[in-house]
Amino acid sequence: MRINTVVVATLALPAPAYAGAFDFKDAAGFEKCMQLDHLVETTRTGAGAEHRVLGPDEIQPRCVAAEVALVEKTKDKALAATGVAITRRESSPELALDPVGALVKLSLPACNDSDIYSIVMRPMSEGYDTDYGKKHAIPIIKRCLKDKQFKQDFLEEKDSSDAVRAANVCQILLEAKLVKSCKGSK
């Protein structure tokens, strides 16, 4: 009986260590979350519990979602900017789109930061035009079009030598009624 108690206690120890992985309150906690190489997810079932090991590809999107929720709750511009930087450093630029979205909701001038601009424009380009990227970048771009400098820079993108980028930019500009047609469009 005593052995079973020890085994159960040993199995129960790892869960609390990671239980708060997504409950961070600052940039340091977010960075630790993004650096996790695995996490054991436990789901309670009628027959007990099921355990599943998550890797970074499943952990990081959850970390990002928690960071965005924290930024929206605190309205902390510095945390939002740091969240973008951490996401870019620890993951892909595409995963940084949601933190960028949270940042530009708080600070429209952030749209003009060169790193932010490159993050939102990447999904518009050939080779990067994924559905996920475009789906997340377009609302950010539409918000950023309210900024005079961003709007000017974005208008210039319609003449890009990257045909995919030019077409995507043109489509957004047409929807926003900022142009009536684009070069090469029908």
Protein backbone atom coordinates (compact mmCIF):
# COMPACT_ATOMS: atom_id res chain seq x y z
CA MET A 1 0.00 0.00 0.00
CA ARG A 2 2.77 2.36 0.88
CA ILE A 3 4.46 1.72 -2.50
CA ASN A 4 1.29 2.70 -4.34
CA THR A 5 1.12 5.95 -2.39
CA VAL A 6 4.71 6.79 -3.29
CA VAL A 7 4.10 5.95 -6.97
CA VAL A 8 0.99 8.11 -7.10
CA ALA A 9 2.77 10.96 -5.35
CA THR A 10 5.70 10.68 -7.78
CA LEU A 11 3.36 10.73 -10.79
CA ALA A 12 1.50 13.72 -9.40
CA LEU A 13 4.64 15.85 -8.87
CA PRO A 14 5.39 16.83 -12.48
CA ALA A 15 1.90 18.20 -13.16
CA PRO A 16 2.03 21.05 -10.60
CA ALA A 17 5.46 22.09 -11.84
CA TYR A 18 3.96 22.88 -15.26
CA ALA A 19 0.38 23.56 -14.19
CA GLY A 20 0.99 27.30 -14.29
CA ALA A 21 3.04 27.37 -17.49
CA PHE A 22 0.39 29.47 -19.21
CA ASP A 23 -0.48 31.54 -16.12
CA PHE A 24 2.52 33.87 -16.26
CA LYS A 25 2.22 37.51 -15.20
CA ASP A 26 5.21 39.10 -16.92
CA ALA A 27 7.66 38.88 -19.83
CA ALA A 28 10.02 36.58 -17.93
CA GLY A 29 7.22 34.07 -17.40
CA PHE A 30 6.25 34.32 -21.07
CA GLU A 31 9.83 33.69 -22.14
CA LYS A 32 10.07 30.62 -19.88
CA CYS A 33 6.82 29.34 -21.36
CA MET A 34 8.14 29.80 -24.91
CA GLN A 35 11.33 27.92 -24.00
CA LEU A 36 9.59 24.79 -22.71
CA ASP A 37 10.69 21.77 -24.72
CA HIS A 38 7.86 19.56 -23.49
CA LEU A 39 4.85 19.61 -21.24
CA VAL A 40 2.68 16.76 -19.96
CA GLU A 41 -1.00 17.47 -20.44
CA THR A 42 -3.34 15.50 -18.22
CA THR A 43 -6.99 15.06 -19.10
CA ARG A 44 -9.34 13.60 -16.53
CA THR A 45 -11.56 10.85 -17.87
CA GLY A 46 -14.23 8.61 -16.35
CA ALA A 47 -11.64 5.86 -16.13
CA GLY A 48 -8.97 8.04 -14.50
CA ALA A 49 -6.67 10.24 -16.52
CA GLU A 50 -4.93 10.34 -19.87
CA HIS A 51 -1.49 11.88 -20.29
CA ARG A 52 -0.09 13.38 -23.45
CA VAL A 53 3.31 14.95 -24.04
CA LEU A 54 3.21 18.30 -25.85
CA GLY A 55 6.16 19.61 -27.81
CA PRO A 56 7.10 23.21 -28.62
CA ASP A 57 4.86 23.28 -31.70
CA GLU A 58 1.81 22.84 -29.42
CA ILE A 59 3.13 24.73 -26.39
CA GLN A 60 4.22 27.95 -28.10
CA PRO A 61 0.84 28.86 -29.64
CA ARG A 62 -0.73 28.45 -26.20
CA CYS A 63 1.98 30.63 -24.65
CA VAL A 64 1.33 33.29 -27.29
CA ALA A 65 -2.43 33.16 -26.71
CA ALA A 66 -1.83 33.61 -22.96
CA GLU A 67 0.56 36.53 -23.62
CA VAL A 68 -1.96 38.25 -25.88
CA ALA A 69 -4.69 37.79 -23.23
CA LEU A 70 -2.36 39.26 -20.58
CA VAL A 71 -1.55 42.27 -22.79
CA GLU A 72 -5.24 42.85 -23.51
CA LYS A 73 -6.00 42.65 -19.79
CA THR A 74 -3.15 44.88 -18.60
CA LYS A 75 -2.97 47.20 -21.64
CA ASP A 76 0.79 47.26 -21.07
CA LYS A 77 2.55 48.54 -24.22
CA ALA A 78 6.00 47.57 -22.95
CA LEU A 79 4.85 44.01 -22.26
CA ALA A 80 3.27 43.88 -25.72
CA ALA A 81 6.49 45.02 -27.42
CA THR A 82 8.58 42.60 -25.36
CA GLY A 83 6.14 39.81 -26.23
CA VAL A 84 6.71 40.45 -29.93
CA ALA A 85 10.48 40.36 -29.47
CA ILE A 86 10.36 37.15 -27.41
CA THR A 87 8.10 35.43 -29.92
CA ARG A 88 10.38 36.37 -32.82
CA ARG A 89 13.42 35.14 -30.93
CA GLU A 90 11.92 31.87 -29.69
CA SER A 91 9.67 30.95 -32.61
CA SER A 92 8.65 31.96 -36.12
CA PRO A 93 7.77 35.47 -37.30
CA GLU A 94 4.37 34.10 -38.28
CA LEU A 95 3.60 33.17 -34.66
CA ALA A 96 4.46 36.77 -33.72
CA LEU A 97 1.45 38.09 -35.64
CA ASP A 98 -0.94 37.82 -32.69
CA PRO A 99 1.41 39.66 -30.29
CA VAL A 100 1.89 42.31 -33.03
CA GLY A 101 -1.89 42.62 -33.27
CA ALA A 102 -2.12 43.17 -29.51
CA LEU A 103 0.65 45.78 -29.69
CA VAL A 104 -0.87 47.82 -32.52
CA LYS A 105 -4.24 47.86 -30.73
CA LEU A 106 -2.46 49.72 -27.93
CA SER A 107 -0.05 51.78 -30.02
CA LEU A 108 -0.80 52.63 -33.65
CA PRO A 109 2.67 54.20 -34.12
CA ALA A 110 4.13 50.72 -33.51
CA CYS A 111 2.99 49.91 -37.06
CA ASN A 112 5.96 51.94 -38.30
CA ASP A 113 8.60 49.95 -36.43
CA SER A 114 10.69 48.15 -39.06
CA ASP A 115 10.47 44.79 -37.24
CA ILE A 116 6.69 45.07 -36.92
CA TYR A 117 6.37 46.08 -40.57
CA SER A 118 8.43 43.09 -41.71
CA ILE A 119 6.35 40.71 -39.59
CA VAL A 120 3.03 41.86 -41.05
CA MET A 121 4.33 42.07 -44.61
CA ARG A 122 5.98 38.65 -44.67
CA PRO A 123 2.72 36.71 -45.24
CA MET A 124 1.97 38.97 -48.19
CA SER A 125 5.06 37.75 -50.07
CA GLU A 126 5.74 34.83 -52.37
CA GLY A 127 6.75 31.75 -50.45
CA TYR A 128 5.20 33.02 -47.21
CA ASP A 129 1.60 33.53 -48.25
CA THR A 130 0.07 30.93 -45.92
CA ASP A 131 -3.58 31.03 -44.97
CA TYR A 132 -2.65 31.36 -41.29
CA GLY A 133 -0.28 34.24 -41.95
CA LYS A 134 -2.62 36.15 -44.22
CA LYS A 135 -5.60 35.56 -41.92
CA HIS A 136 -3.69 37.09 -39.00
CA ALA A 137 -1.79 39.79 -40.89
CA ILE A 138 -4.66 41.38 -42.82
CA PRO A 139 -6.60 42.69 -39.78
CA ILE A 140 -3.36 44.15 -38.42
CA ILE A 141 -2.61 45.82 -41.74
CA LYS A 142 -6.12 47.25 -41.94
CA ARG A 143 -5.74 48.73 -38.46
CA CYS A 144 -2.28 50.08 -39.32
CA LEU A 145 -3.66 51.78 -42.44
CA LYS A 146 -5.10 54.37 -40.03
CA ASP A 147 -1.50 55.52 -39.44
CA LYS A 148 -0.40 58.06 -42.05
CA GLN A 149 3.20 56.82 -42.41
CA PHE A 150 2.22 53.15 -42.56
CA LYS A 151 -0.44 53.95 -45.16
CA GLN A 152 2.12 55.74 -47.32
CA ASP A 153 4.60 52.86 -47.07
CA PHE A 154 1.91 50.28 -47.72
CA LEU A 155 0.66 52.10 -50.82
CA GLU A 156 4.17 51.82 -52.26
CA GLU A 157 4.04 48.03 -51.81
CA LYS A 158 1.42 47.70 -54.56
CA ASP A 159 4.25 48.24 -57.04
CA SER A 160 6.45 45.53 -55.51
CA SER A 161 8.50 43.34 -57.86
CA ASP A 162 7.17 40.36 -55.86
CA ALA A 163 3.98 39.63 -57.82
CA VAL A 164 2.30 37.79 -54.92
CA ARG A 165 3.05 40.64 -52.54
CA ALA A 166 1.79 43.25 -55.02
CA ALA A 167 -1.43 41.28 -55.61
CA ASN A 168 -2.08 40.78 -51.88
CA VAL A 169 -1.41 44.45 -51.13
CA CYS A 170 -3.62 45.51 -54.03
CA GLN A 171 -6.48 43.36 -52.73
CA ILE A 172 -6.25 44.95 -49.28
CA LEU A 173 -6.08 48.45 -50.77
CA LEU A 174 -9.09 47.76 -52.99
CA GLU A 175 -11.09 46.46 -50.01
CA ALA A 176 -10.12 49.54 -48.00
CA LYS A 177 -11.15 51.71 -50.99
CA LEU A 178 -7.74 53.39 -51.05
CA VAL A 179 -7.17 52.61 -54.74
CA LYS A 180 -9.51 51.94 -57.65
CA SER A 181 -7.12 49.58 -59.46
CA CYS A 182 -3.55 48.37 -59.39
CA LYS A 183 -0.88 47.97 -62.01
CA GLY A 184 -1.25 44.61 -63.71
CA SER A 185 -4.69 43.86 -62.23
CA LYS A 186 -7.75 43.36 -64.40
